[in-house]
Amino acid sequence: MEDNKNTLLKEIQIAKFAVIEANLFLNTHPNDQEALKFFKKCADKLHDLMMEWEEKNGRVQNTAGGQMRWAWVDNPWPWEMGV
């Protein structure tokens, strides 16, 4: 179970990295249609992965979500997970 959780988290991190890098590239190449397609593909994948994570494990982003405290800090930090 923990391996699946770590694998999913790693996939989210990879997808997020790809989205950020594609976004940076598009900042200097705004008319590149292939880059735009790549960005959309990565953004869609990231969204799907985050929805999967939230269904199985709760919120993935560090938002309060109407709570009076930051509950996400209760989980292990990435360097504490032994990945």
N, C-alpha and C. Protein backbone atom coordinates (compact mmCIF):
# COMPACT_ATOMS: atom_id res chain seq x y z
N MET A 1 0.83 -1.20 0.00
CA MET A 1 0.00 0.00 0.00
C MET A 1 0.87 1.26 0.00
N GLU A 2 1.89 1.27 0.86
CA GLU A 2 2.77 2.44 0.96
C GLU A 2 3.57 2.62 -0.33
N ASP A 3 3.94 1.50 -0.99
CA ASP A 3 4.66 1.58 -2.26
C ASP A 3 3.81 2.25 -3.32
N ASN A 4 2.51 1.89 -3.38
CA ASN A 4 1.60 2.51 -4.34
C ASN A 4 1.47 4.00 -4.08
N LYS A 5 1.42 4.36 -2.81
CA LYS A 5 1.30 5.77 -2.42
C LYS A 5 2.56 6.54 -2.86
N ASN A 6 3.73 5.94 -2.62
CA ASN A 6 4.98 6.59 -3.01
C ASN A 6 5.11 6.69 -4.52
N THR A 7 4.67 5.66 -5.23
CA THR A 7 4.71 5.66 -6.70
C THR A 7 3.82 6.75 -7.26
N LEU A 8 2.62 6.86 -6.73
CA LEU A 8 1.69 7.89 -7.19
C LEU A 8 2.23 9.28 -6.89
N LEU A 9 2.82 9.48 -5.72
CA LEU A 9 3.39 10.77 -5.37
C LEU A 9 4.53 11.12 -6.32
N LYS A 10 5.36 10.14 -6.65
CA LYS A 10 6.47 10.38 -7.58
C LYS A 10 5.93 10.75 -8.97
N GLU A 11 4.87 10.09 -9.41
CA GLU A 11 4.26 10.42 -10.71
C GLU A 11 3.73 11.85 -10.70
N ILE A 12 3.15 12.27 -9.58
CA ILE A 12 2.66 13.65 -9.46
C ILE A 12 3.82 14.63 -9.56
N GLN A 13 4.91 14.32 -8.89
CA GLN A 13 6.08 15.21 -8.93
C GLN A 13 6.65 15.31 -10.34
N ILE A 14 6.71 14.20 -11.06
CA ILE A 14 7.22 14.20 -12.43
C ILE A 14 6.31 15.02 -13.33
N ALA A 15 5.00 14.81 -13.22
CA ALA A 15 4.05 15.54 -14.05
C ALA A 15 4.10 17.03 -13.75
N LYS A 16 4.23 17.38 -12.46
CA LYS A 16 4.29 18.80 -12.09
C LYS A 16 5.55 19.44 -12.66
N PHE A 17 6.67 18.73 -12.61
CA PHE A 17 7.92 19.23 -13.18
C PHE A 17 7.75 19.48 -14.68
N ALA A 18 7.14 18.53 -15.39
CA ALA A 18 6.93 18.68 -16.83
C ALA A 18 6.05 19.88 -17.15
N VAL A 19 5.00 20.09 -16.36
CA VAL A 19 4.11 21.23 -16.57
C VAL A 19 4.86 22.54 -16.37
N ILE A 20 5.65 22.62 -15.32
CA ILE A 20 6.41 23.85 -15.03
C ILE A 20 7.41 24.13 -16.14
N GLU A 21 8.14 23.10 -16.57
CA GLU A 21 9.14 23.28 -17.63
C GLU A 21 8.49 23.67 -18.95
N ALA A 22 7.38 23.01 -19.30
CA ALA A 22 6.68 23.36 -20.54
C ALA A 22 6.17 24.79 -20.48
N ASN A 23 5.68 25.19 -19.31
CA ASN A 23 5.20 26.56 -19.14
C ASN A 23 6.34 27.56 -19.34
N LEU A 24 7.50 27.27 -18.79
CA LEU A 24 8.65 28.16 -18.95
C LEU A 24 9.05 28.26 -20.43
N PHE A 25 9.05 27.12 -21.13
CA PHE A 25 9.37 27.12 -22.55
C PHE A 25 8.37 27.96 -23.33
N LEU A 26 7.09 27.82 -22.99
CA LEU A 26 6.05 28.58 -23.70
C LEU A 26 6.15 30.08 -23.44
N ASN A 27 6.78 30.46 -22.33
CA ASN A 27 6.99 31.88 -22.07
C ASN A 27 7.84 32.54 -23.16
N THR A 28 8.77 31.78 -23.73
CA THR A 28 9.65 32.32 -24.76
C THR A 28 9.30 31.83 -26.17
N HIS A 29 8.40 30.85 -26.26
CA HIS A 29 7.98 30.29 -27.55
C HIS A 29 6.45 30.17 -27.58
N PRO A 30 5.74 31.28 -27.44
CA PRO A 30 4.28 31.22 -27.27
C PRO A 30 3.51 30.67 -28.48
N ASN A 31 4.14 30.63 -29.65
CA ASN A 31 3.45 30.15 -30.84
C ASN A 31 3.78 28.71 -31.20
N ASP A 32 4.54 28.05 -30.36
CA ASP A 32 4.95 26.66 -30.63
C ASP A 32 3.78 25.72 -30.31
N GLN A 33 3.11 25.25 -31.35
CA GLN A 33 1.91 24.42 -31.17
C GLN A 33 2.23 23.06 -30.56
N GLU A 34 3.38 22.49 -30.90
CA GLU A 34 3.77 21.20 -30.31
C GLU A 34 4.01 21.35 -28.80
N ALA A 35 4.65 22.45 -28.41
CA ALA A 35 4.89 22.70 -26.98
C ALA A 35 3.56 22.92 -26.25
N LEU A 36 2.64 23.60 -26.91
CA LEU A 36 1.33 23.83 -26.31
C LEU A 36 0.58 22.52 -26.13
N LYS A 37 0.65 21.63 -27.13
CA LYS A 37 0.02 20.31 -27.00
C LYS A 37 0.66 19.52 -25.86
N PHE A 38 2.00 19.58 -25.77
CA PHE A 38 2.72 18.89 -24.70
C PHE A 38 2.30 19.42 -23.33
N PHE A 39 2.23 20.75 -23.21
CA PHE A 39 1.81 21.37 -21.96
C PHE A 39 0.42 20.89 -21.56
N LYS A 40 -0.52 20.90 -22.51
CA LYS A 40 -1.89 20.48 -22.20
C LYS A 40 -1.93 19.01 -21.78
N LYS A 41 -1.19 18.17 -22.49
CA LYS A 41 -1.14 16.75 -22.15
C LYS A 41 -0.60 16.55 -20.73
N CYS A 42 0.47 17.26 -20.39
CA CYS A 42 1.06 17.14 -19.05
C CYS A 42 0.13 17.71 -17.99
N ALA A 43 -0.51 18.82 -18.28
CA ALA A 43 -1.43 19.44 -17.32
C ALA A 43 -2.63 18.53 -17.06
N ASP A 44 -3.13 17.90 -18.12
CA ASP A 44 -4.26 16.97 -17.95
C ASP A 44 -3.84 15.77 -17.11
N LYS A 45 -2.65 15.25 -17.38
CA LYS A 45 -2.15 14.10 -16.61
C LYS A 45 -1.96 14.48 -15.14
N LEU A 46 -1.39 15.66 -14.90
CA LEU A 46 -1.21 16.13 -13.53
C LEU A 46 -2.55 16.23 -12.82
N HIS A 47 -3.53 16.79 -13.49
CA HIS A 47 -4.86 16.91 -12.89
C HIS A 47 -5.42 15.54 -12.53
N ASP A 48 -5.32 14.59 -13.46
CA ASP A 48 -5.83 13.24 -13.21
C ASP A 48 -5.12 12.57 -12.04
N LEU A 49 -3.79 12.72 -12.00
CA LEU A 49 -3.02 12.13 -10.90
C LEU A 49 -3.39 12.75 -9.56
N MET A 50 -3.58 14.06 -9.56
CA MET A 50 -3.94 14.73 -8.30
C MET A 50 -5.34 14.32 -7.84
N MET A 51 -6.26 14.15 -8.79
CA MET A 51 -7.60 13.67 -8.42
C MET A 51 -7.53 12.25 -7.86
N GLU A 52 -6.71 11.41 -8.47
CA GLU A 52 -6.53 10.04 -7.96
C GLU A 52 -5.96 10.07 -6.55
N TRP A 53 -4.95 10.91 -6.33
CA TRP A 53 -4.34 11.02 -5.00
C TRP A 53 -5.39 11.46 -3.97
N GLU A 54 -6.16 12.47 -4.31
CA GLU A 54 -7.14 13.01 -3.36
C GLU A 54 -8.24 12.00 -3.05
N GLU A 55 -8.62 11.19 -4.03
CA GLU A 55 -9.61 10.14 -3.78
C GLU A 55 -9.09 9.11 -2.77
N LYS A 56 -7.80 8.81 -2.87
CA LYS A 56 -7.21 7.75 -2.04
C LYS A 56 -6.62 8.26 -0.74
N ASN A 57 -6.08 9.50 -0.74
CA ASN A 57 -5.26 9.95 0.38
C ASN A 57 -5.63 11.31 0.97
N GLY A 58 -6.58 12.00 0.39
CA GLY A 58 -6.90 13.34 0.87
C GLY A 58 -6.19 14.39 0.04
N ARG A 59 -6.29 15.62 0.47
CA ARG A 59 -5.75 16.75 -0.31
C ARG A 59 -4.26 16.63 -0.53
N VAL A 60 -3.85 17.00 -1.74
CA VAL A 60 -2.43 16.95 -2.09
C VAL A 60 -1.80 18.34 -2.02
N GLN A 61 -2.60 19.39 -2.14
CA GLN A 61 -2.06 20.74 -2.10
C GLN A 61 -2.13 21.30 -0.70
N ASN A 62 -1.23 22.23 -0.44
CA ASN A 62 -1.14 22.82 0.90
C ASN A 62 -2.10 23.98 1.06
N THR A 63 -3.39 23.66 1.04
CA THR A 63 -4.42 24.67 1.28
C THR A 63 -5.18 24.29 2.54
N ALA A 64 -5.72 25.28 3.20
CA ALA A 64 -6.44 25.02 4.44
C ALA A 64 -7.79 24.36 4.17
N GLY A 65 -8.38 24.60 3.02
CA GLY A 65 -9.66 23.99 2.68
C GLY A 65 -10.76 24.31 3.68
N GLY A 66 -10.76 25.51 4.22
CA GLY A 66 -11.78 25.91 5.17
C GLY A 66 -11.48 25.48 6.60
N GLN A 67 -10.38 24.78 6.79
CA GLN A 67 -10.02 24.33 8.13
C GLN A 67 -9.30 25.45 8.87
N MET A 68 -9.21 25.30 10.16
CA MET A 68 -8.55 26.31 10.97
C MET A 68 -7.06 26.00 11.19
N ARG A 69 -6.57 24.92 10.54
CA ARG A 69 -5.15 24.59 10.66
C ARG A 69 -4.69 23.90 9.39
N TRP A 70 -3.40 23.82 9.22
CA TRP A 70 -2.81 23.17 8.05
C TRP A 70 -2.66 21.68 8.32
N ALA A 71 -3.67 20.89 7.95
CA ALA A 71 -3.65 19.45 8.22
C ALA A 71 -2.61 18.72 7.39
N TRP A 72 -2.22 19.25 6.24
CA TRP A 72 -1.27 18.55 5.39
C TRP A 72 0.09 18.39 6.06
N VAL A 73 0.40 19.19 7.05
CA VAL A 73 1.70 19.07 7.73
C VAL A 73 1.75 17.85 8.65
N ASP A 74 0.61 17.19 8.86
CA ASP A 74 0.58 15.99 9.69
C ASP A 74 1.18 14.78 9.00
N ASN A 75 1.25 14.81 7.68
CA ASN A 75 1.81 13.70 6.91
C ASN A 75 3.33 13.80 6.87
N PRO A 76 4.00 12.69 6.59
CA PRO A 76 5.47 12.75 6.49
C PRO A 76 5.91 13.67 5.36
N TRP A 77 7.02 14.38 5.57
CA TRP A 77 7.60 15.21 4.53
C TRP A 77 8.27 14.29 3.53
N PRO A 78 8.46 14.76 2.27
CA PRO A 78 9.06 13.88 1.25
C PRO A 78 10.37 13.24 1.70
N TRP A 79 11.22 13.95 2.42
CA TRP A 79 12.51 13.40 2.84
C TRP A 79 12.36 12.43 4.02
N GLU A 80 11.18 12.39 4.63
CA GLU A 80 10.91 11.46 5.72
C GLU A 80 10.30 10.16 5.24
N MET A 81 9.97 10.09 3.94
CA MET A 81 9.25 8.94 3.42
C MET A 81 10.17 7.79 3.01
N GLY A 82 11.46 8.02 2.97
CA GLY A 82 12.41 6.96 2.63
C GLY A 82 12.27 6.48 1.20
N VAL A 83 11.94 7.40 0.31
CA VAL A 83 11.76 7.03 -1.10
C VAL A 83 13.11 6.95 -1.76
